[in-house]
Amino acid sequence: MSEVIPIGSDHAGFEMKERVKAERVRGEAVRGVLPCGTGLGMPDANVLMLPAPFLSDEASLTILRAWLDTGFAGGRHTRRVAKIDQEAG
């Protein structure tokens, strides 16, 4: 099954959101992309935060592709991700 990747944005990331929509695929959503003004997010929470004002289209797509192709590294965030998974049911 293909993967659905929801894409949202704040006002600063709206234009980038429109440009990266073409990179998404269809299926069950387990990850998301959020172009925004700061790029601050939670490590390994399955949401890629992209600081739209600071990235070119090329750089944002390079980061997006690397994120899609890279698995969870584990390490110090393993407990946090397990807690998120447990609370999500």
C-alpha atoms as a PDB file:
ATOM      1  CA  MET A   1       0.000   0.000   0.000  1.00  0.00           C
ATOM      2  CA  SER A   2       1.182   3.513  -0.768  1.00  0.00           C
ATOM      3  CA  GLU A   3       1.597   6.085   1.976  1.00  0.00           C
ATOM      4  CA  VAL A   4      -0.490   9.258   2.354  1.00  0.00           C
ATOM      5  CA  ILE A   5       1.521  12.172   3.686  1.00  0.00           C
ATOM      6  CA  PRO A   6      -0.696  15.057   4.837  1.00  0.00           C
ATOM      7  CA  ILE A   7       0.758  18.475   4.112  1.00  0.00           C
ATOM      8  CA  GLY A   8      -0.216  21.547   6.137  1.00  0.00           C
ATOM      9  CA  SER A   9       1.341  24.952   6.678  1.00  0.00           C
ATOM     10  CA  ASP A  10       1.135  28.214   8.500  1.00  0.00           C
ATOM     11  CA  HIS A  11       0.996  31.479   6.528  1.00  0.00           C
ATOM     12  CA  ALA A  12       4.783  31.537   6.040  1.00  0.00           C
ATOM     13  CA  GLY A  13       4.846  28.070   4.500  1.00  0.00           C
ATOM     14  CA  PHE A  14       1.755  28.212   2.280  1.00  0.00           C
ATOM     15  CA  GLU A  15       3.582  28.676  -1.025  1.00  0.00           C
ATOM     16  CA  MET A  16       6.086  25.921  -0.219  1.00  0.00           C
ATOM     17  CA  LYS A  17       3.216  23.620   0.780  1.00  0.00           C
ATOM     18  CA  GLU A  18       1.670  24.100  -2.642  1.00  0.00           C
ATOM     19  CA  ARG A  19       4.984  23.258  -4.338  1.00  0.00           C
ATOM     20  CA  VAL A  20       5.711  20.092  -2.318  1.00  0.00           C
ATOM     21  CA  LYS A  21       2.202  18.650  -2.743  1.00  0.00           C
ATOM     22  CA  ALA A  22       3.450  16.908  -5.881  1.00  0.00           C
ATOM     23  CA  GLU A  23       5.815  14.818  -3.742  1.00  0.00           C
ATOM     24  CA  ARG A  24       3.088  13.064  -1.773  1.00  0.00           C
ATOM     25  CA  VAL A  25       1.789   9.558  -2.409  1.00  0.00           C
ATOM     26  CA  ARG A  26      -1.506   7.843  -1.498  1.00  0.00           C
ATOM     27  CA  GLY A  27      -2.319   5.332   1.295  1.00  0.00           C
ATOM     28  CA  GLU A  28      -2.626   5.434   5.101  1.00  0.00           C
ATOM     29  CA  ALA A  29      -1.201   8.547   6.773  1.00  0.00           C
ATOM     30  CA  VAL A  30       1.623   7.814   9.202  1.00  0.00           C
ATOM     31  CA  ARG A  31       3.766  10.896   8.528  1.00  0.00           C
ATOM     32  CA  GLY A  32       3.141  14.540   7.663  1.00  0.00           C
ATOM     33  CA  VAL A  33       4.905  17.601   6.269  1.00  0.00           C
ATOM     34  CA  LEU A  34       4.470  21.101   7.683  1.00  0.00           C
ATOM     35  CA  PRO A  35       6.186  24.023   5.937  1.00  0.00           C
ATOM     36  CA  CYS A  36       6.140  26.898   8.400  1.00  0.00           C
ATOM     37  CA  GLY A  37       7.978  30.024   9.451  1.00  0.00           C
ATOM     38  CA  THR A  38      10.429  28.451  11.920  1.00  0.00           C
ATOM     39  CA  GLY A  39      10.986  24.762  11.151  1.00  0.00           C
ATOM     40  CA  LEU A  40      10.750  23.884  14.849  1.00  0.00           C
ATOM     41  CA  GLY A  41       9.237  20.482  15.532  1.00  0.00           C
ATOM     42  CA  MET A  42       9.417  17.301  17.614  1.00  0.00           C
ATOM     43  CA  PRO A  43      12.217  14.832  16.683  1.00  0.00           C
ATOM     44  CA  ASP A  44      11.052  11.511  15.245  1.00  0.00           C
ATOM     45  CA  ALA A  45       7.360  12.342  15.675  1.00  0.00           C
ATOM     46  CA  ASN A  46       6.723  11.546  12.006  1.00  0.00           C
ATOM     47  CA  VAL A  47       6.202  15.176  11.018  1.00  0.00           C
ATOM     48  CA  LEU A  48       8.817  16.994   8.954  1.00  0.00           C
ATOM     49  CA  MET A  49       8.956  20.713   9.726  1.00  0.00           C
ATOM     50  CA  LEU A  50      10.416  22.865   6.927  1.00  0.00           C
ATOM     51  CA  PRO A  51      11.336  26.516   7.592  1.00  0.00           C
ATOM     52  CA  ALA A  52       9.887  27.897   4.347  1.00  0.00           C
ATOM     53  CA  PRO A  53      11.390  31.424   4.533  1.00  0.00           C
ATOM     54  CA  PHE A  54      14.896  29.959   4.800  1.00  0.00           C
ATOM     55  CA  LEU A  55      14.832  27.185   2.140  1.00  0.00           C
ATOM     56  CA  SER A  56      14.826  27.210  -1.631  1.00  0.00           C
ATOM     57  CA  ASP A  57      12.434  24.880  -3.434  1.00  0.00           C
ATOM     58  CA  GLU A  58      15.382  22.686  -4.388  1.00  0.00           C
ATOM     59  CA  ALA A  59      16.652  22.455  -0.807  1.00  0.00           C
ATOM     60  CA  SER A  60      13.189  21.717   0.591  1.00  0.00           C
ATOM     61  CA  LEU A  61      12.637  18.895  -1.919  1.00  0.00           C
ATOM     62  CA  THR A  62      16.100  17.460  -1.192  1.00  0.00           C
ATOM     63  CA  ILE A  63      15.299  17.448   2.546  1.00  0.00           C
ATOM     64  CA  LEU A  64      11.841  15.961   1.906  1.00  0.00           C
ATOM     65  CA  ARG A  65      13.249  13.119  -0.208  1.00  0.00           C
ATOM     66  CA  ALA A  66      15.965  12.354   2.372  1.00  0.00           C
ATOM     67  CA  TRP A  67      13.345  12.305   5.149  1.00  0.00           C
ATOM     68  CA  LEU A  68      11.083   9.970   3.187  1.00  0.00           C
ATOM     69  CA  ASP A  69      13.999   7.596   2.496  1.00  0.00           C
ATOM     70  CA  THR A  70      15.430   7.559   6.047  1.00  0.00           C
ATOM     71  CA  GLY A  71      14.104   5.272   8.773  1.00  0.00           C
ATOM     72  CA  PHE A  72      13.751   6.073  12.461  1.00  0.00           C
ATOM     73  CA  ALA A  73      17.206   6.140  14.071  1.00  0.00           C
ATOM     74  CA  GLY A  74      15.975   5.180  17.536  1.00  0.00           C
ATOM     75  CA  GLY A  75      18.366   6.299  20.239  1.00  0.00           C
ATOM     76  CA  ARG A  76      17.257   8.746  22.898  1.00  0.00           C
ATOM     77  CA  HIS A  77      13.869   9.365  21.269  1.00  0.00           C
ATOM     78  CA  THR A  78      12.737   5.714  21.330  1.00  0.00           C
ATOM     79  CA  ARG A  79      10.866   6.083  24.650  1.00  0.00           C
ATOM     80  CA  ARG A  80       9.144   9.283  23.500  1.00  0.00           C
ATOM     81  CA  VAL A  81       7.960   7.689  20.254  1.00  0.00           C
ATOM     82  CA  ALA A  82       6.759   4.580  22.135  1.00  0.00           C
ATOM     83  CA  LYS A  83       4.731   6.823  24.459  1.00  0.00           C
ATOM     84  CA  ILE A  84       3.175   8.635  21.473  1.00  0.00           C
ATOM     85  CA  ASP A  85       2.325   5.281  19.871  1.00  0.00           C
ATOM     86  CA  GLN A  86       0.804   3.998  23.134  1.00  0.00           C
ATOM     87  CA  GLU A  87      -1.354   7.096  23.613  1.00  0.00           C
ATOM     88  CA  ALA A  88      -2.466   7.007  19.964  1.00  0.00           C
ATOM     89  CA  GLY A  89      -3.829   3.519  20.581  1.00  0.00           C
END
